[in-house]
């Protein structure tokens, strides 16, 4: 499922136009991205939590040459599903 599919499903279930549903979907994801960029935790009851985690700098190896390289520190967005979602996935 992609953003357009999600917007179509939202439009069908709520009775709004597809254009309005697409705007709503885009606004939700923009708000999540904005909060994540600020380092906030996003908690959606019954769905899960998005958290920003720091990945420290480390040494790695170039697989083709075997030489040691430095991998820069970065941030990543992780998702932990809520119990309700885990239960739905696992029957």
N, C-alpha and C. Protein backbone atom coordinates (compact mmCIF):
# COMPACT_ATOMS: atom_id res chain seq x y z
N UNK A 1 0.85 -1.17 0.00
CA UNK A 1 0.00 0.00 0.00
C UNK A 1 0.90 1.24 0.00
N UNK A 2 0.57 2.19 -0.84
CA UNK A 2 1.32 3.45 -0.88
C UNK A 2 0.40 4.60 -0.46
N UNK A 3 0.91 5.83 -0.53
CA UNK A 3 0.14 7.01 -0.09
C UNK A 3 -1.18 7.15 -0.85
N UNK A 4 -1.14 6.92 -2.16
CA UNK A 4 -2.36 7.07 -2.97
C UNK A 4 -3.39 6.02 -2.58
N UNK A 5 -2.94 4.78 -2.37
CA UNK A 5 -3.85 3.72 -1.95
C UNK A 5 -4.48 4.05 -0.60
N UNK A 6 -3.66 4.56 0.30
CA UNK A 6 -4.15 4.93 1.62
C UNK A 6 -5.17 6.06 1.52
N UNK A 7 -4.89 7.04 0.68
CA UNK A 7 -5.82 8.16 0.49
C UNK A 7 -7.14 7.68 -0.11
N UNK A 8 -7.08 6.75 -1.07
CA UNK A 8 -8.31 6.21 -1.68
C UNK A 8 -9.14 5.47 -0.64
N UNK A 9 -8.48 4.68 0.20
CA UNK A 9 -9.19 3.93 1.24
C UNK A 9 -9.83 4.89 2.25
N UNK A 10 -9.09 5.93 2.63
CA UNK A 10 -9.60 6.94 3.55
C UNK A 10 -10.81 7.65 2.95
N UNK A 11 -10.74 8.00 1.68
CA UNK A 11 -11.84 8.68 1.00
C UNK A 11 -13.07 7.78 0.96
N UNK A 12 -12.87 6.51 0.66
CA UNK A 12 -14.00 5.57 0.56
C UNK A 12 -14.67 5.36 1.92
N UNK A 13 -13.88 5.30 2.97
CA UNK A 13 -14.43 5.02 4.30
C UNK A 13 -15.03 6.23 4.99
N UNK A 14 -14.57 7.43 4.63
CA UNK A 14 -15.07 8.63 5.32
C UNK A 14 -16.01 9.48 4.46
N UNK A 15 -16.04 9.23 3.16
CA UNK A 15 -16.93 9.99 2.30
C UNK A 15 -16.38 11.33 1.85
N UNK A 16 -15.11 11.59 2.09
CA UNK A 16 -14.50 12.84 1.60
C UNK A 16 -13.95 12.59 0.20
N UNK A 17 -13.58 13.66 -0.48
CA UNK A 17 -13.02 13.50 -1.83
C UNK A 17 -11.62 12.91 -1.74
N UNK A 18 -11.18 12.31 -2.84
CA UNK A 18 -9.83 11.74 -2.87
C UNK A 18 -8.77 12.82 -2.68
N UNK A 19 -9.02 14.01 -3.22
CA UNK A 19 -8.06 15.12 -3.08
C UNK A 19 -7.92 15.53 -1.61
N UNK A 20 -9.05 15.63 -0.91
CA UNK A 20 -9.00 15.99 0.51
C UNK A 20 -8.33 14.88 1.33
N UNK A 21 -8.61 13.64 0.98
CA UNK A 21 -8.00 12.51 1.69
C UNK A 21 -6.50 12.51 1.47
N UNK A 22 -6.05 12.80 0.24
CA UNK A 22 -4.61 12.86 -0.05
C UNK A 22 -3.95 13.96 0.75
N UNK A 23 -4.61 15.12 0.86
CA UNK A 23 -4.07 16.22 1.67
C UNK A 23 -3.94 15.80 3.13
N UNK A 24 -4.93 15.08 3.64
CA UNK A 24 -4.90 14.63 5.04
C UNK A 24 -3.77 13.63 5.26
N UNK A 25 -3.61 12.69 4.35
CA UNK A 25 -2.54 11.69 4.47
C UNK A 25 -1.18 12.38 4.43
N UNK A 26 -1.00 13.28 3.47
CA UNK A 26 0.27 14.01 3.35
C UNK A 26 0.55 14.85 4.60
N UNK A 27 -0.49 15.46 5.17
CA UNK A 27 -0.32 16.29 6.37
C UNK A 27 0.09 15.43 7.57
N UNK A 28 -0.48 14.24 7.69
CA UNK A 28 -0.12 13.35 8.80
C UNK A 28 1.35 12.95 8.70
N UNK A 29 1.77 12.52 7.51
CA UNK A 29 3.16 12.10 7.36
C UNK A 29 4.13 13.26 7.50
N UNK A 30 3.74 14.44 7.06
CA UNK A 30 4.59 15.63 7.22
C UNK A 30 4.75 15.96 8.69
N UNK A 31 3.68 15.83 9.46
CA UNK A 31 3.75 16.12 10.90
C UNK A 31 4.64 15.10 11.61
N UNK A 32 4.55 13.83 11.22
CA UNK A 32 5.41 12.80 11.81
C UNK A 32 6.87 13.08 11.47
N UNK A 33 7.16 13.42 10.22
CA UNK A 33 8.53 13.71 9.80
C UNK A 33 9.08 14.93 10.52
N UNK A 34 8.25 15.95 10.68
CA UNK A 34 8.67 17.18 11.37
C UNK A 34 9.01 16.90 12.83
N UNK A 35 8.16 16.13 13.50
CA UNK A 35 8.41 15.78 14.90
C UNK A 35 9.67 14.93 15.03
N UNK A 36 9.87 14.00 14.11
CA UNK A 36 11.06 13.14 14.15
C UNK A 36 12.32 13.98 13.93
N UNK A 37 12.27 14.94 13.01
CA UNK A 37 13.42 15.80 12.74
C UNK A 37 13.78 16.63 13.97
N UNK A 38 12.77 16.94 14.78
CA UNK A 38 13.01 17.70 16.02
C UNK A 38 13.49 16.79 17.15
N UNK A 39 13.52 15.47 16.90
CA UNK A 39 13.99 14.52 17.91
C UNK A 39 12.90 14.04 18.84
N UNK A 40 11.65 14.36 18.53
CA UNK A 40 10.54 13.95 19.40
C UNK A 40 10.15 12.50 19.13
N UNK A 41 9.55 11.88 20.14
CA UNK A 41 8.98 10.55 20.00
C UNK A 41 7.52 10.72 19.58
N UNK A 42 7.09 9.96 18.59
CA UNK A 42 5.72 10.05 18.11
C UNK A 42 5.00 8.79 18.56
N UNK A 43 4.00 8.95 19.42
CA UNK A 43 3.26 7.82 19.95
C UNK A 43 1.83 7.87 19.45
N UNK A 44 1.43 6.83 18.71
CA UNK A 44 0.08 6.74 18.17
C UNK A 44 -0.62 5.59 18.88
N UNK A 45 -1.55 5.93 19.77
CA UNK A 45 -2.23 4.92 20.58
C UNK A 45 -2.86 3.84 19.72
N UNK A 46 -2.61 2.61 20.08
CA UNK A 46 -3.16 1.47 19.35
C UNK A 46 -2.42 1.13 18.07
N UNK A 47 -1.41 1.94 17.71
CA UNK A 47 -0.65 1.67 16.48
C UNK A 47 0.82 1.42 16.78
N UNK A 48 1.47 2.35 17.49
CA UNK A 48 2.87 2.16 17.83
C UNK A 48 3.59 3.47 18.08
N UNK A 49 4.92 3.36 18.21
CA UNK A 49 5.76 4.53 18.48
C UNK A 49 6.87 4.64 17.45
N UNK A 50 7.11 5.86 17.01
CA UNK A 50 8.26 6.18 16.18
C UNK A 50 9.27 6.85 17.10
N UNK A 51 10.52 6.38 17.08
CA UNK A 51 11.57 6.97 17.90
C UNK A 51 12.78 7.26 17.04
N UNK A 52 13.50 8.33 17.38
CA UNK A 52 14.74 8.67 16.71
C UNK A 52 15.87 8.08 17.54
N UNK A 53 16.73 7.29 16.91
CA UNK A 53 17.87 6.69 17.60
C UNK A 53 19.15 7.15 16.94
N UNK A 54 20.16 7.36 17.78
CA UNK A 54 21.48 7.75 17.28
C UNK A 54 22.30 6.50 16.97
N UNK A 55 22.92 6.51 15.81
CA UNK A 55 23.84 5.44 15.42
C UNK A 55 25.24 6.04 15.48
N UNK A 56 26.10 5.58 16.38
CA UNK A 56 27.41 6.20 16.54
C UNK A 56 28.33 5.93 15.35
N UNK A 57 29.37 6.75 15.22
CA UNK A 57 30.37 6.53 14.18
C UNK A 57 31.09 5.22 14.49
N UNK A 58 31.49 4.53 13.42
CA UNK A 58 32.16 3.25 13.63
C UNK A 58 33.05 2.94 12.44
N UNK A 59 33.87 1.90 12.61
CA UNK A 59 34.71 1.44 11.52
C UNK A 59 34.00 0.34 10.77
N UNK A 60 34.17 0.32 9.47
CA UNK A 60 33.61 -0.74 8.65
C UNK A 60 34.64 -1.20 7.65
N UNK A 61 34.28 -2.14 6.82
CA UNK A 61 35.19 -2.64 5.79
C UNK A 61 34.54 -2.53 4.42
N UNK A 62 35.34 -2.10 3.46
CA UNK A 62 34.91 -2.09 2.07
C UNK A 62 34.91 -3.55 1.60
N UNK A 63 33.75 -4.10 1.23
CA UNK A 63 33.71 -5.53 0.90
C UNK A 63 34.54 -5.92 -0.32
N UNK A 64 34.73 -5.00 -1.25
CA UNK A 64 35.48 -5.38 -2.45
C UNK A 64 36.99 -5.33 -2.23
N UNK A 65 37.48 -4.35 -1.46
CA UNK A 65 38.93 -4.22 -1.28
C UNK A 65 39.39 -4.69 0.10
N UNK A 66 38.47 -4.77 1.05
CA UNK A 66 38.84 -5.19 2.40
C UNK A 66 39.45 -4.08 3.24
N UNK A 67 39.59 -2.88 2.68
CA UNK A 67 40.19 -1.79 3.45
C UNK A 67 39.21 -1.24 4.49
N UNK A 68 39.76 -0.73 5.58
CA UNK A 68 38.96 -0.17 6.66
C UNK A 68 38.49 1.23 6.27
N UNK A 69 37.20 1.50 6.54
CA UNK A 69 36.64 2.82 6.26
C UNK A 69 35.91 3.32 7.51
N UNK A 70 35.74 4.62 7.58
CA UNK A 70 35.00 5.22 8.69
C UNK A 70 33.55 5.44 8.25
N UNK A 71 32.63 4.97 9.06
CA UNK A 71 31.21 5.19 8.81
C UNK A 71 30.76 6.30 9.76
N UNK A 72 30.21 7.36 9.21
CA UNK A 72 29.83 8.53 10.01
C UNK A 72 28.65 8.23 10.92
N UNK A 73 28.58 8.98 12.01
CA UNK A 73 27.43 8.88 12.92
C UNK A 73 26.18 9.36 12.18
N UNK A 74 25.04 8.78 12.52
CA UNK A 74 23.80 9.19 11.87
C UNK A 74 22.63 8.95 12.82
N UNK A 75 21.48 9.41 12.41
CA UNK A 75 20.25 9.18 13.17
C UNK A 75 19.34 8.32 12.32
N UNK A 76 18.56 7.47 12.97
CA UNK A 76 17.60 6.65 12.23
C UNK A 76 16.28 6.66 12.96
N UNK A 77 15.22 6.46 12.18
CA UNK A 77 13.88 6.43 12.73
C UNK A 77 13.47 4.97 12.88
N UNK A 78 13.09 4.59 14.10
CA UNK A 78 12.66 3.22 14.35
C UNK A 78 11.17 3.22 14.69
N UNK A 79 10.56 2.06 14.51
CA UNK A 79 9.14 1.92 14.81
C UNK A 79 8.95 0.70 15.68
N UNK A 80 8.20 0.87 16.76
CA UNK A 80 7.83 -0.24 17.65
C UNK A 80 6.31 -0.35 17.62
N UNK A 81 5.78 -1.44 17.09
CA UNK A 81 4.32 -1.57 17.01
C UNK A 81 3.70 -1.76 18.38
N UNK A 82 2.45 -1.30 18.51
CA UNK A 82 1.69 -1.48 19.74
C UNK A 82 1.25 -2.93 19.86
N UNK A 83 0.86 -3.33 21.06
CA UNK A 83 0.45 -4.71 21.32
C UNK A 83 -0.71 -5.11 20.41
N UNK A 84 -1.65 -4.22 20.19
CA UNK A 84 -2.81 -4.52 19.35
C UNK A 84 -2.37 -4.90 17.92
N UNK A 85 -1.38 -4.19 17.39
CA UNK A 85 -0.88 -4.48 16.05
C UNK A 85 -0.13 -5.81 16.05
N UNK A 86 0.69 -6.04 17.06
CA UNK A 86 1.42 -7.31 17.15
C UNK A 86 0.44 -8.47 17.21
N UNK A 87 -0.61 -8.33 18.01
CA UNK A 87 -1.61 -9.40 18.14
C UNK A 87 -2.32 -9.64 16.79
N UNK A 88 -2.61 -8.56 16.06
CA UNK A 88 -3.29 -8.70 14.76
C UNK A 88 -2.39 -9.42 13.76
N UNK A 89 -1.09 -9.13 13.80
CA UNK A 89 -0.15 -9.76 12.88
C UNK A 89 0.05 -11.24 13.17
N UNK A 90 0.00 -11.58 14.44
CA UNK A 90 0.28 -12.96 14.86
C UNK A 90 -0.96 -13.79 15.14
N UNK A 91 -2.09 -13.34 14.68
CA UNK A 91 -3.33 -14.10 14.80
C UNK A 91 -3.87 -14.05 16.17
